[in-house]
Amino acid sequence: GPLAAMHFQADIEKRAWEAGGETQVAPAQRMVDFVQKRVSSSLLDTSYQPGLNSVDMHAVLPDFISERLAMAFKAFGQKMRGYLTNEAQLIGVESRTSSPVRIPRDRESFEHPQIKRLYPCGEGAGYAGGIVSAAMDGERCAEHLIGTYVKR
């Protein structure tokens, strides 16, 4: 259905939350350990304040993602010496970068087609995928709003 991607994302986030001990602790694994499918005996220091829990990230990620990641890390490690190392680690899953649904807006005015004065913008509305693109989209929406409602 139309929300299948959102359910897929929620399932992976739930697995990560469970692997972290059902807290804000993030699941993590050193890169070589991930490729070799062994749980890391220790993890590197991180700035992530709730902390890390050493897990098998293959249990967190779906097989088609974890297997391709492992293959990609190995392949890139052969091309770039020093890339595949246990001095790097995989931490949690960052999956809340953009909305799985898009709130409609008019291409010209940026206003919602049915709800006047509503300007859907940024990540939450499905028009950006990161901090900078969300800021730029917000700026564009603000310019349209100002152009419509401020008389010069």
N, C-alpha and C. Protein backbone atom coordinates (compact mmCIF):
# COMPACT_ATOMS: atom_id res chain seq x y z
N GLY A 1 0.82 -1.20 0.00
CA GLY A 1 0.00 0.00 0.00
C GLY A 1 0.86 1.25 0.00
N PRO A 2 0.23 2.40 0.00
CA PRO A 2 0.96 3.66 -0.10
C PRO A 2 1.84 3.96 1.12
N LEU A 3 1.58 3.32 2.24
CA LEU A 3 2.38 3.57 3.45
C LEU A 3 3.35 2.43 3.75
N ALA A 4 3.59 1.55 2.78
CA ALA A 4 4.47 0.40 3.00
C ALA A 4 5.87 0.83 3.39
N ALA A 5 6.39 1.87 2.76
CA ALA A 5 7.75 2.35 3.09
C ALA A 5 7.81 2.84 4.54
N MET A 6 6.75 3.49 4.99
CA MET A 6 6.71 3.99 6.37
C MET A 6 6.70 2.81 7.35
N HIS A 7 5.95 1.76 7.04
CA HIS A 7 5.92 0.57 7.92
C HIS A 7 7.27 -0.15 7.91
N PHE A 8 7.91 -0.22 6.75
CA PHE A 8 9.24 -0.82 6.63
C PHE A 8 10.23 -0.06 7.51
N GLN A 9 10.20 1.26 7.44
CA GLN A 9 11.07 2.12 8.24
C GLN A 9 10.80 1.91 9.73
N ALA A 10 9.54 1.88 10.11
CA ALA A 10 9.18 1.69 11.52
C ALA A 10 9.67 0.34 12.05
N ASP A 11 9.62 -0.69 11.21
CA ASP A 11 10.07 -2.02 11.62
C ASP A 11 11.58 -2.00 11.92
N ILE A 12 12.35 -1.37 11.06
CA ILE A 12 13.80 -1.31 11.28
C ILE A 12 14.11 -0.48 12.52
N GLU A 13 13.40 0.63 12.70
CA GLU A 13 13.61 1.47 13.89
C GLU A 13 13.27 0.69 15.17
N LYS A 14 12.23 -0.14 15.12
CA LYS A 14 11.86 -0.93 16.29
C LYS A 14 12.95 -1.95 16.61
N ARG A 15 13.50 -2.58 15.57
CA ARG A 15 14.59 -3.55 15.78
C ARG A 15 15.81 -2.86 16.41
N ALA A 16 16.11 -1.65 15.94
CA ALA A 16 17.24 -0.90 16.49
C ALA A 16 16.98 -0.54 17.95
N TRP A 17 15.78 -0.12 18.26
CA TRP A 17 15.40 0.23 19.63
C TRP A 17 15.51 -0.99 20.54
N GLU A 18 15.04 -2.14 20.07
CA GLU A 18 15.14 -3.37 20.86
C GLU A 18 16.60 -3.76 21.06
N ALA A 19 17.40 -3.65 19.99
CA ALA A 19 18.83 -4.02 20.09
C ALA A 19 19.59 -3.08 21.01
N GLY A 20 19.10 -1.86 21.15
CA GLY A 20 19.72 -0.90 22.06
C GLY A 20 19.28 -1.08 23.50
N GLY A 21 18.46 -2.08 23.76
CA GLY A 21 17.99 -2.34 25.13
C GLY A 21 16.68 -1.63 25.43
N GLU A 22 15.93 -1.28 24.38
CA GLU A 22 14.65 -0.58 24.51
C GLU A 22 14.80 0.74 25.24
N THR A 23 15.91 1.41 24.94
CA THR A 23 16.19 2.75 25.47
C THR A 23 16.71 3.59 24.31
N GLN A 24 17.27 4.74 24.60
CA GLN A 24 17.85 5.59 23.56
C GLN A 24 19.29 5.18 23.22
N VAL A 25 19.80 4.15 23.89
CA VAL A 25 21.13 3.62 23.56
C VAL A 25 21.08 3.08 22.13
N ALA A 26 22.10 3.38 21.35
CA ALA A 26 22.11 2.96 19.95
C ALA A 26 22.85 1.64 19.77
N PRO A 27 22.33 0.76 18.93
CA PRO A 27 23.07 -0.45 18.60
C PRO A 27 24.27 -0.09 17.72
N ALA A 28 25.38 -0.79 17.88
CA ALA A 28 26.58 -0.47 17.12
C ALA A 28 27.44 -1.71 16.92
N GLN A 29 28.32 -1.62 15.92
CA GLN A 29 29.25 -2.71 15.63
C GLN A 29 30.41 -2.14 14.83
N ARG A 30 31.62 -2.61 15.15
CA ARG A 30 32.79 -2.18 14.38
C ARG A 30 32.68 -2.74 12.96
N MET A 31 33.25 -2.00 12.00
CA MET A 31 33.05 -2.32 10.59
C MET A 31 33.54 -3.71 10.18
N VAL A 32 34.78 -4.07 10.52
CA VAL A 32 35.30 -5.40 10.14
C VAL A 32 34.47 -6.48 10.82
N ASP A 33 34.10 -6.26 12.07
CA ASP A 33 33.26 -7.23 12.77
C ASP A 33 31.92 -7.40 12.04
N PHE A 34 31.36 -6.31 11.56
CA PHE A 34 30.11 -6.37 10.80
C PHE A 34 30.28 -7.22 9.54
N VAL A 35 31.35 -6.95 8.81
CA VAL A 35 31.60 -7.70 7.57
C VAL A 35 31.81 -9.18 7.86
N GLN A 36 32.46 -9.49 8.98
CA GLN A 36 32.73 -10.89 9.35
C GLN A 36 31.64 -11.50 10.22
N LYS A 37 30.58 -10.77 10.44
CA LYS A 37 29.40 -11.23 11.19
C LYS A 37 29.75 -11.70 12.60
N ARG A 38 30.53 -10.89 13.30
CA ARG A 38 30.80 -11.21 14.70
C ARG A 38 30.52 -9.96 15.54
N VAL A 39 29.96 -10.16 16.71
CA VAL A 39 29.66 -9.05 17.60
C VAL A 39 30.96 -8.47 18.12
N SER A 40 31.07 -7.16 18.12
CA SER A 40 32.29 -6.49 18.58
C SER A 40 32.48 -6.66 20.08
N SER A 41 33.70 -6.99 20.48
CA SER A 41 33.98 -7.16 21.91
C SER A 41 34.06 -5.81 22.62
N SER A 42 34.34 -4.76 21.87
CA SER A 42 34.36 -3.40 22.43
C SER A 42 33.99 -2.43 21.31
N LEU A 43 33.58 -1.25 21.72
CA LEU A 43 33.21 -0.21 20.75
C LEU A 43 34.07 1.02 20.96
N LEU A 44 34.16 1.83 19.94
CA LEU A 44 34.93 3.08 20.02
C LEU A 44 34.14 4.13 20.79
N ASP A 45 34.85 5.11 21.31
CA ASP A 45 34.18 6.24 21.96
C ASP A 45 33.34 6.98 20.93
N THR A 46 32.26 7.58 21.39
CA THR A 46 31.37 8.33 20.51
C THR A 46 30.84 9.55 21.24
N SER A 47 30.40 10.54 20.49
CA SER A 47 29.81 11.73 21.10
C SER A 47 28.32 11.52 21.37
N TYR A 48 27.77 10.39 20.95
CA TYR A 48 26.36 10.11 21.17
C TYR A 48 26.14 9.84 22.66
N GLN A 49 25.47 10.75 23.34
CA GLN A 49 25.37 10.75 24.80
C GLN A 49 24.65 9.56 25.44
N PRO A 50 23.56 9.04 24.89
CA PRO A 50 22.96 7.89 25.57
C PRO A 50 23.83 6.64 25.54
N GLY A 51 24.79 6.61 24.62
CA GLY A 51 25.72 5.48 24.58
C GLY A 51 25.40 4.46 23.51
N LEU A 52 26.25 3.43 23.45
CA LEU A 52 26.14 2.39 22.44
C LEU A 52 26.04 1.02 23.08
N ASN A 53 25.41 0.09 22.37
CA ASN A 53 25.31 -1.29 22.79
C ASN A 53 25.86 -2.15 21.65
N SER A 54 26.86 -2.96 21.92
CA SER A 54 27.46 -3.81 20.90
C SER A 54 26.50 -4.92 20.52
N VAL A 55 26.15 -4.97 19.23
CA VAL A 55 25.19 -5.96 18.73
C VAL A 55 25.64 -6.45 17.35
N ASP A 56 24.96 -7.46 16.86
CA ASP A 56 25.13 -7.88 15.47
C ASP A 56 24.17 -7.04 14.65
N MET A 57 24.68 -6.08 13.88
CA MET A 57 23.82 -5.19 13.10
C MET A 57 23.09 -5.94 11.99
N HIS A 58 23.54 -7.15 11.66
CA HIS A 58 22.81 -7.97 10.68
C HIS A 58 21.44 -8.34 11.24
N ALA A 59 21.31 -8.39 12.57
CA ALA A 59 20.02 -8.70 13.19
C ALA A 59 19.10 -7.48 13.21
N VAL A 60 19.68 -6.30 13.07
CA VAL A 60 18.90 -5.06 13.07
C VAL A 60 18.41 -4.73 11.66
N LEU A 61 19.30 -4.87 10.70
CA LEU A 61 19.00 -4.51 9.32
C LEU A 61 18.44 -5.70 8.55
N PRO A 62 17.55 -5.45 7.59
CA PRO A 62 17.09 -6.56 6.74
C PRO A 62 18.26 -7.16 5.97
N ASP A 63 18.16 -8.45 5.66
CA ASP A 63 19.25 -9.15 4.97
C ASP A 63 19.70 -8.46 3.69
N PHE A 64 18.74 -7.98 2.88
CA PHE A 64 19.13 -7.40 1.61
C PHE A 64 19.92 -6.10 1.78
N ILE A 65 19.78 -5.46 2.91
CA ILE A 65 20.57 -4.25 3.19
C ILE A 65 21.91 -4.63 3.82
N SER A 66 21.88 -5.47 4.86
CA SER A 66 23.13 -5.80 5.56
C SER A 66 24.11 -6.54 4.66
N GLU A 67 23.61 -7.45 3.83
CA GLU A 67 24.50 -8.20 2.94
C GLU A 67 25.15 -7.28 1.91
N ARG A 68 24.38 -6.36 1.35
CA ARG A 68 24.94 -5.44 0.36
C ARG A 68 25.91 -4.45 1.00
N LEU A 69 25.61 -4.02 2.21
CA LEU A 69 26.54 -3.13 2.93
C LEU A 69 27.87 -3.85 3.15
N ALA A 70 27.81 -5.09 3.62
CA ALA A 70 29.04 -5.85 3.87
C ALA A 70 29.84 -6.01 2.58
N MET A 71 29.17 -6.31 1.49
CA MET A 71 29.85 -6.46 0.19
C MET A 71 30.47 -5.12 -0.23
N ALA A 72 29.74 -4.05 -0.04
CA ALA A 72 30.24 -2.72 -0.43
C ALA A 72 31.44 -2.31 0.41
N PHE A 73 31.38 -2.57 1.72
CA PHE A 73 32.53 -2.23 2.58
C PHE A 73 33.78 -3.00 2.14
N LYS A 74 33.60 -4.29 1.83
CA LYS A 74 34.74 -5.10 1.37
C LYS A 74 35.28 -4.58 0.04
N ALA A 75 34.39 -4.31 -0.90
CA ALA A 75 34.82 -3.84 -2.22
C ALA A 75 35.52 -2.50 -2.13
N PHE A 76 34.97 -1.59 -1.36
CA PHE A 76 35.59 -0.27 -1.22
C PHE A 76 36.91 -0.38 -0.46
N GLY A 77 36.96 -1.30 0.50
CA GLY A 77 38.20 -1.52 1.24
C GLY A 77 39.33 -2.02 0.36
N GLN A 78 38.99 -2.75 -0.72
CA GLN A 78 40.01 -3.21 -1.67
C GLN A 78 40.49 -2.06 -2.56
N LYS A 79 39.63 -1.08 -2.79
CA LYS A 79 39.99 0.05 -3.65
C LYS A 79 40.69 1.17 -2.88
N MET A 80 40.33 1.32 -1.62
CA MET A 80 40.88 2.40 -0.81
C MET A 80 41.51 1.80 0.45
N ARG A 81 42.80 1.68 0.44
CA ARG A 81 43.54 1.09 1.55
C ARG A 81 43.20 1.82 2.86
N GLY A 82 42.91 1.04 3.88
CA GLY A 82 42.61 1.61 5.19
C GLY A 82 41.14 1.91 5.43
N TYR A 83 40.31 1.77 4.40
CA TYR A 83 38.88 2.06 4.58
C TYR A 83 38.20 1.01 5.45
N LEU A 84 38.44 -0.26 5.14
CA LEU A 84 37.82 -1.35 5.90
C LEU A 84 38.65 -1.60 7.15
N THR A 85 38.17 -1.07 8.27
CA THR A 85 38.92 -1.12 9.51
C THR A 85 37.98 -1.20 10.70
N ASN A 86 38.48 -1.73 11.79
CA ASN A 86 37.69 -1.73 13.02
C ASN A 86 37.84 -0.41 13.78
N GLU A 87 38.50 0.55 13.16
CA GLU A 87 38.55 1.90 13.73
C GLU A 87 37.36 2.72 13.24
N ALA A 88 36.46 2.06 12.52
CA ALA A 88 35.19 2.66 12.09
C ALA A 88 34.08 1.76 12.62
N GLN A 89 32.92 2.34 12.85
CA GLN A 89 31.82 1.52 13.34
C GLN A 89 30.48 1.98 12.78
N LEU A 90 29.58 1.04 12.71
CA LEU A 90 28.21 1.32 12.30
C LEU A 90 27.43 1.60 13.58
N ILE A 91 26.67 2.68 13.57
CA ILE A 91 25.90 3.06 14.75
C ILE A 91 24.44 3.22 14.38
N GLY A 92 23.59 2.45 15.05
CA GLY A 92 22.15 2.59 14.93
C GLY A 92 21.65 2.67 13.51
N VAL A 93 20.47 3.19 13.36
CA VAL A 93 19.91 3.46 12.04
C VAL A 93 19.38 4.88 12.05
N GLU A 94 19.78 5.64 11.06
CA GLU A 94 19.22 6.99 10.91
C GLU A 94 18.22 6.92 9.79
N SER A 95 16.96 6.92 10.14
CA SER A 95 15.93 6.71 9.13
C SER A 95 14.91 7.84 9.06
N ARG A 96 15.01 8.80 9.91
CA ARG A 96 14.03 9.90 9.92
C ARG A 96 14.57 11.13 9.20
N THR A 97 14.96 10.95 7.93
CA THR A 97 15.52 12.09 7.21
C THR A 97 14.50 12.79 6.34
N SER A 98 13.46 12.09 5.92
CA SER A 98 12.43 12.75 5.15
C SER A 98 11.12 11.98 5.30
N SER A 99 10.06 12.64 5.00
CA SER A 99 8.74 12.06 5.18
C SER A 99 8.44 11.00 4.12
N PRO A 100 7.82 9.89 4.50
CA PRO A 100 7.46 8.89 3.51
C PRO A 100 6.22 9.29 2.70
N VAL A 101 5.55 10.34 3.12
CA VAL A 101 4.41 10.87 2.37
C VAL A 101 4.66 12.35 2.10
N ARG A 102 4.03 12.86 1.08
CA ARG A 102 4.22 14.26 0.70
C ARG A 102 2.89 15.00 0.82
N ILE A 103 2.89 16.11 1.50
CA ILE A 103 1.71 16.97 1.60
C ILE A 103 1.67 17.79 0.31
N PRO A 104 0.54 17.78 -0.39
CA PRO A 104 0.50 18.48 -1.68
C PRO A 104 0.65 20.00 -1.54
N ARG A 105 1.29 20.60 -2.55
CA ARG A 105 1.35 22.05 -2.63
C ARG A 105 1.37 22.47 -4.10
N ASP A 106 0.86 23.63 -4.37
CA ASP A 106 0.82 24.16 -5.72
C ASP A 106 2.23 24.48 -6.19
N ARG A 107 2.56 24.13 -7.44
CA ARG A 107 3.91 24.34 -7.97
C ARG A 107 4.28 25.82 -8.07
N GLU A 108 3.31 26.66 -8.31
CA GLU A 108 3.59 28.09 -8.48
C GLU A 108 3.59 28.85 -7.16
N SER A 109 2.54 28.64 -6.36
CA SER A 109 2.38 29.44 -5.14
C SER A 109 3.02 28.81 -3.91
N PHE A 110 3.30 27.50 -3.97
CA PHE A 110 3.82 26.71 -2.84
C PHE A 110 2.76 26.54 -1.74
N GLU A 111 1.56 27.01 -1.99
CA GLU A 111 0.48 26.91 -1.02
C GLU A 111 -0.26 25.57 -1.22
N HIS A 112 -0.81 25.03 -0.14
CA HIS A 112 -1.61 23.81 -0.24
C HIS A 112 -2.77 24.09 -1.20
N PRO A 113 -3.09 23.16 -2.10
CA PRO A 113 -4.14 23.43 -3.08
C PRO A 113 -5.54 23.62 -2.50
N GLN A 114 -5.79 23.10 -1.31
CA GLN A 114 -7.13 23.22 -0.72
C GLN A 114 -7.17 24.03 0.56
N ILE A 115 -6.07 24.12 1.27
CA ILE A 115 -6.05 24.83 2.55
C ILE A 115 -5.23 26.10 2.37
N LYS A 116 -5.93 27.21 2.20
CA LYS A 116 -5.25 28.49 1.96
C LYS A 116 -4.39 28.88 3.15
N ARG A 117 -3.27 29.52 2.86
CA ARG A 117 -2.27 30.00 3.82
C ARG A 117 -1.48 28.87 4.48
N LEU A 118 -1.62 27.65 3.99
CA LEU A 118 -0.79 26.55 4.48
C LEU A 118 0.29 26.31 3.43
N TYR A 119 1.54 26.43 3.86
CA TYR A 119 2.70 26.27 2.99
C TYR A 119 3.51 25.06 3.43
N PRO A 120 3.16 23.86 2.95
CA PRO A 120 3.92 22.67 3.34
C PRO A 120 5.37 22.79 2.85
N CYS A 121 6.31 22.58 3.75
CA CYS A 121 7.70 22.70 3.33
C CYS A 121 8.61 21.84 4.20
N GLY A 122 9.80 21.59 3.68
CA GLY A 122 10.83 20.90 4.43
C GLY A 122 10.63 19.40 4.52
N GLU A 123 11.37 18.80 5.44
CA GLU A 123 11.39 17.34 5.57
C GLU A 123 10.04 16.76 5.96
N GLY A 124 9.38 17.36 6.93
CA GLY A 124 8.12 16.82 7.41
C GLY A 124 7.03 16.80 6.37
N ALA A 125 7.11 17.68 5.39
CA ALA A 125 6.11 17.73 4.32
C ALA A 125 6.54 16.92 3.11
N GLY A 126 7.76 16.38 3.13
CA GLY A 126 8.23 15.55 2.04
C GLY A 126 8.93 16.31 0.92
N TYR A 127 9.39 17.53 1.19
CA TYR A 127 10.03 18.34 0.16
C TYR A 127 11.53 18.53 0.37
N ALA A 128 12.12 17.78 1.27
CA ALA A 128 13.55 17.90 1.52
C ALA A 128 14.03 16.60 2.16
N GLY A 129 15.35 16.40 2.11
CA GLY A 129 15.90 15.18 2.67
C GLY A 129 17.02 15.42 3.65
N GLY A 130 17.19 16.64 4.09
CA GLY A 130 18.26 16.93 5.03
C GLY A 130 18.16 18.33 5.57
N ILE A 131 19.06 18.68 6.46
CA ILE A 131 19.02 19.96 7.15
C ILE A 131 19.11 21.13 6.17
N VAL A 132 20.08 21.09 5.27
CA VAL A 132 20.29 22.22 4.36
C VAL A 132 19.15 22.32 3.36
N SER A 133 18.76 21.19 2.77
CA SER A 133 17.67 21.26 1.78
C SER A 133 16.36 21.67 2.43
N ALA A 134 16.13 21.29 3.68
CA ALA A 134 14.92 21.72 4.39
C ALA A 134 14.95 23.22 4.64
N ALA A 135 16.11 23.74 5.00
CA ALA A 135 16.24 25.19 5.21
C ALA A 135 16.00 25.95 3.91
N MET A 136 16.56 25.44 2.83
CA MET A 136 16.37 26.11 1.53
C MET A 136 14.91 26.06 1.09
N ASP A 137 14.25 24.92 1.31
CA ASP A 137 12.84 24.81 0.95
C ASP A 137 12.00 25.75 1.81
N GLY A 138 12.31 25.84 3.08
CA GLY A 138 11.60 26.77 3.97
C GLY A 138 11.77 28.21 3.52
N GLU A 139 12.97 28.54 3.08
CA GLU A 139 13.23 29.90 2.59
C GLU A 139 12.40 30.18 1.33
N ARG A 140 12.34 29.21 0.42
CA ARG A 140 11.53 29.39 -0.80
C ARG A 140 10.05 29.58 -0.45
N CYS A 141 9.54 28.78 0.49
CA CYS A 141 8.14 28.91 0.91
C CYS A 141 7.90 30.28 1.54
N ALA A 142 8.83 30.72 2.37
CA ALA A 142 8.70 32.04 2.99
C ALA A 142 8.68 33.14 1.94
N GLU A 143 9.52 33.03 0.92
CA GLU A 143 9.53 34.03 -0.15
C GLU A 143 8.19 34.07 -0.88
N HIS A 144 7.60 32.90 -1.14
CA HIS A 144 6.29 32.86 -1.79
C HIS A 144 5.22 33.47 -0.89
N LEU A 145 5.27 33.15 0.39
CA LEU A 145 4.31 33.70 1.35
C LEU A 145 4.43 35.22 1.40
N ILE A 146 5.63 35.72 1.51
CA ILE A 146 5.86 37.17 1.56
C ILE A 146 5.38 37.83 0.27
N GLY A 147 5.70 37.21 -0.86
CA GLY A 147 5.28 37.75 -2.15
C GLY A 147 3.76 37.84 -2.28
N THR A 148 3.06 36.92 -1.65
CA THR A 148 1.60 36.88 -1.73
C THR A 148 0.94 37.86 -0.78
N TYR A 149 1.45 37.99 0.42
CA TYR A 149 0.74 38.72 1.47
C TYR A 149 1.34 40.07 1.87
N VAL A 150 2.54 40.36 1.44
CA VAL A 150 3.15 41.65 1.80
C VAL A 150 3.12 42.54 0.57
N LYS A 151 2.45 43.67 0.70
CA LYS A 151 2.37 44.63 -0.39
C LYS A 151 3.57 45.57 -0.31
N ARG A 152 4.24 45.73 -1.43
CA ARG A 152 5.45 46.58 -1.44
C ARG A 152 5.14 47.95 -1.95
